[in-house]
Amino acid sequence: MCAAAGVAFVGPPASAITSMGDKAQSKAIMSAAGVPVVPGYHGKQQDDSRLFQEADQVGFPLLVKAVSGGGGKGMKIAASKPELGHAIDSARREAAASFGDDRLLLERYITRPRHVEVQVMADKHGNAVYLFDRDCSVQRRHQKIIEEA
């Protein structure tokens, strides 16, 4: 409706926001673009047997993660295969209750990560500028506590 009326928004198009709101879809887009991503499984098959099979391929420790939402909700760590069933069940329940979507993805859990965000501004004409980056590594329950710019 806004586009038809000639209204232009500053920021990414709605399709990009939708894609980035789905972690499985955003990982697929980034992988296809050659961007390195944490090893894992973000496929459509969600039955327990498939998730266990993929977990064996990815290896442990493993982060079981809700596909939708954020804020650290629906994220559970499985340090070993015996912990995986509980992590899957718990993450599914929390994801369904928080986001109305119980889909999960699996990622290799990185025990001492660095979380650095890079800010880039670009326009539809191909112009881009790097603004700054910030270290967001200090976290509690997968939530940023301090952002150093």
Protein backbone atom coordinates (compact mmCIF):
# COMPACT_ATOMS: atom_id res chain seq x y z
CA MET A 1 0.00 0.00 0.00
CA CYS A 2 2.74 2.49 0.93
CA ALA A 3 4.88 1.57 -2.09
CA ALA A 4 1.87 2.06 -4.38
CA ALA A 5 1.40 5.53 -2.88
CA GLY A 6 5.05 6.41 -3.55
CA VAL A 7 6.10 6.33 0.11
CA ALA A 8 9.71 5.18 0.55
CA PHE A 9 11.00 3.95 3.89
CA VAL A 10 14.60 4.28 5.04
CA GLY A 11 15.81 0.81 5.89
CA PRO A 12 15.66 -2.69 4.52
CA PRO A 13 12.64 -3.79 2.51
CA ALA A 14 9.90 -5.73 4.29
CA SER A 15 11.02 -8.93 2.54
CA ALA A 16 14.50 -8.63 4.13
CA ILE A 17 13.03 -8.04 7.58
CA THR A 18 10.81 -11.11 7.16
CA SER A 19 13.75 -13.24 6.01
CA MET A 20 16.01 -12.12 8.85
CA GLY A 21 13.24 -12.81 11.38
CA ASP A 22 13.41 -16.50 10.45
CA LYS A 23 16.81 -17.80 11.60
CA ALA A 24 16.67 -20.86 9.32
CA GLN A 25 15.88 -18.74 6.27
CA SER A 26 18.50 -16.12 7.15
CA LYS A 27 21.16 -18.83 7.56
CA ALA A 28 20.25 -20.26 4.16
CA ILE A 29 20.49 -16.79 2.57
CA MET A 30 23.85 -16.09 4.20
CA SER A 31 25.24 -19.51 3.27
CA ALA A 32 24.15 -19.03 -0.35
CA ALA A 33 25.92 -15.65 -0.37
CA GLY A 34 29.16 -17.25 0.84
CA VAL A 35 29.00 -15.74 4.34
CA PRO A 36 30.53 -18.07 6.94
CA VAL A 37 27.93 -19.40 9.39
CA VAL A 38 28.23 -21.57 12.48
CA PRO A 39 28.02 -25.25 11.46
CA GLY A 40 24.59 -26.71 12.10
CA TYR A 41 21.25 -27.86 10.78
CA HIS A 42 18.48 -25.46 9.76
CA GLY A 43 16.34 -27.73 7.61
CA LYS A 44 12.60 -28.18 7.39
CA GLN A 45 12.48 -31.73 8.76
CA GLN A 46 11.80 -31.28 12.46
CA ASP A 47 11.11 -34.77 13.80
CA ASP A 48 13.27 -35.89 16.71
CA SER A 49 14.98 -38.66 14.75
CA ARG A 50 16.15 -36.18 12.09
CA LEU A 51 17.37 -33.71 14.72
CA PHE A 52 19.32 -36.48 16.50
CA GLN A 53 20.82 -37.58 13.18
CA GLU A 54 21.86 -34.02 12.33
CA ALA A 55 23.25 -33.50 15.85
CA ASP A 56 25.60 -36.44 15.30
CA GLN A 57 26.83 -34.76 12.11
CA VAL A 58 27.28 -31.33 13.71
CA GLY A 59 28.86 -32.63 16.92
CA PHE A 60 28.65 -31.57 20.56
CA PRO A 61 28.35 -29.28 22.43
CA LEU A 62 25.27 -28.15 20.57
CA LEU A 63 22.91 -25.19 20.79
CA VAL A 64 19.26 -26.04 20.16
CA LYS A 65 17.65 -22.80 19.02
CA ALA A 66 14.16 -21.54 18.17
CA VAL A 67 13.88 -20.55 14.50
CA SER A 68 11.63 -17.59 15.33
CA GLY A 69 11.89 -14.86 17.91
CA GLY A 70 14.87 -13.77 19.92
CA GLY A 71 15.82 -12.52 23.32
CA GLY A 72 17.53 -15.79 24.22
CA LYS A 73 14.18 -17.60 24.39
CA GLY A 74 14.03 -21.15 23.04
CA MET A 75 17.81 -21.63 23.29
CA LYS A 76 19.10 -24.70 25.11
CA ILE A 77 22.59 -26.19 25.31
CA ALA A 78 23.17 -29.92 24.93
CA ALA A 79 26.72 -30.70 26.01
CA SER A 80 26.35 -34.36 24.98
CA LYS A 81 23.94 -36.69 23.19
CA PRO A 82 22.17 -37.83 26.40
CA GLU A 83 21.15 -34.18 27.03
CA LEU A 84 19.77 -33.62 23.52
CA GLY A 85 16.24 -35.01 23.99
CA HIS A 86 15.56 -32.76 26.98
CA ALA A 87 17.06 -29.73 25.19
CA ILE A 88 14.86 -30.32 22.12
CA ASP A 89 11.70 -30.77 24.19
CA SER A 90 12.42 -27.73 26.34
CA ALA A 91 13.35 -25.47 23.39
CA ARG A 92 10.22 -26.55 21.47
CA ARG A 93 7.92 -25.79 24.40
CA GLU A 94 9.49 -22.39 25.01
CA ALA A 95 9.50 -21.48 21.29
CA ALA A 96 5.85 -22.46 20.87
CA ALA A 97 4.79 -20.55 23.99
CA SER A 98 6.86 -17.45 23.20
CA PHE A 99 6.58 -17.21 19.41
CA GLY A 100 3.77 -19.55 18.31
CA ASP A 101 6.35 -21.48 16.28
CA ASP A 102 8.05 -24.62 17.58
CA ARG A 103 10.58 -25.03 14.74
CA LEU A 104 14.18 -25.47 15.83
CA LEU A 105 17.64 -25.32 14.38
CA LEU A 106 20.87 -26.82 15.66
CA GLU A 107 24.21 -25.05 15.86
CA ARG A 108 27.59 -26.07 17.15
CA TYR A 109 27.83 -24.34 20.53
CA ILE A 110 30.81 -22.01 20.68
CA THR A 111 31.98 -21.88 24.29
CA ARG A 112 33.98 -18.62 24.16
CA PRO A 113 32.52 -16.60 21.29
CA ARG A 114 33.16 -13.03 20.22
CA HIS A 115 29.97 -11.23 19.21
CA VAL A 116 30.91 -8.27 17.04
CA GLU A 117 28.25 -6.35 15.13
CA VAL A 118 29.16 -4.28 12.08
CA GLN A 119 27.00 -1.34 11.03
CA VAL A 120 26.76 -0.66 7.29
CA MET A 121 24.47 1.82 5.51
CA ALA A 122 23.67 1.31 1.84
CA ASP A 123 21.22 2.69 -0.67
CA LYS A 124 19.40 1.23 -3.65
CA HIS A 125 21.98 2.76 -6.02
CA GLY A 126 24.83 0.57 -4.77
CA ASN A 127 26.45 3.15 -2.49
CA ALA A 128 27.55 1.85 0.90
CA VAL A 129 29.46 3.16 3.88
CA TYR A 130 30.85 1.43 6.96
CA LEU A 131 29.70 3.30 10.06
CA PHE A 132 31.24 1.45 12.99
CA ASP A 133 31.38 -1.86 14.79
CA ARG A 134 30.71 -2.81 18.35
CA ASP A 135 31.69 -5.65 20.62
CA CYS A 136 28.64 -7.26 22.22
CA SER A 137 30.44 -10.29 23.68
CA VAL A 138 29.45 -9.69 27.31
CA GLN A 139 26.16 -11.53 27.58
CA ARG A 140 23.90 -13.21 30.13
CA ARG A 141 21.36 -15.80 29.00
CA HIS A 142 22.19 -15.03 25.36
CA GLN A 143 21.29 -11.37 25.86
CA LYS A 144 23.75 -8.50 25.36
CA ILE A 145 24.63 -6.77 28.62
CA ILE A 146 27.26 -4.33 27.35
CA GLU A 147 27.79 -2.93 23.87
CA GLU A 148 31.20 -1.33 23.41
CA ALA A 149 31.30 1.00 20.39
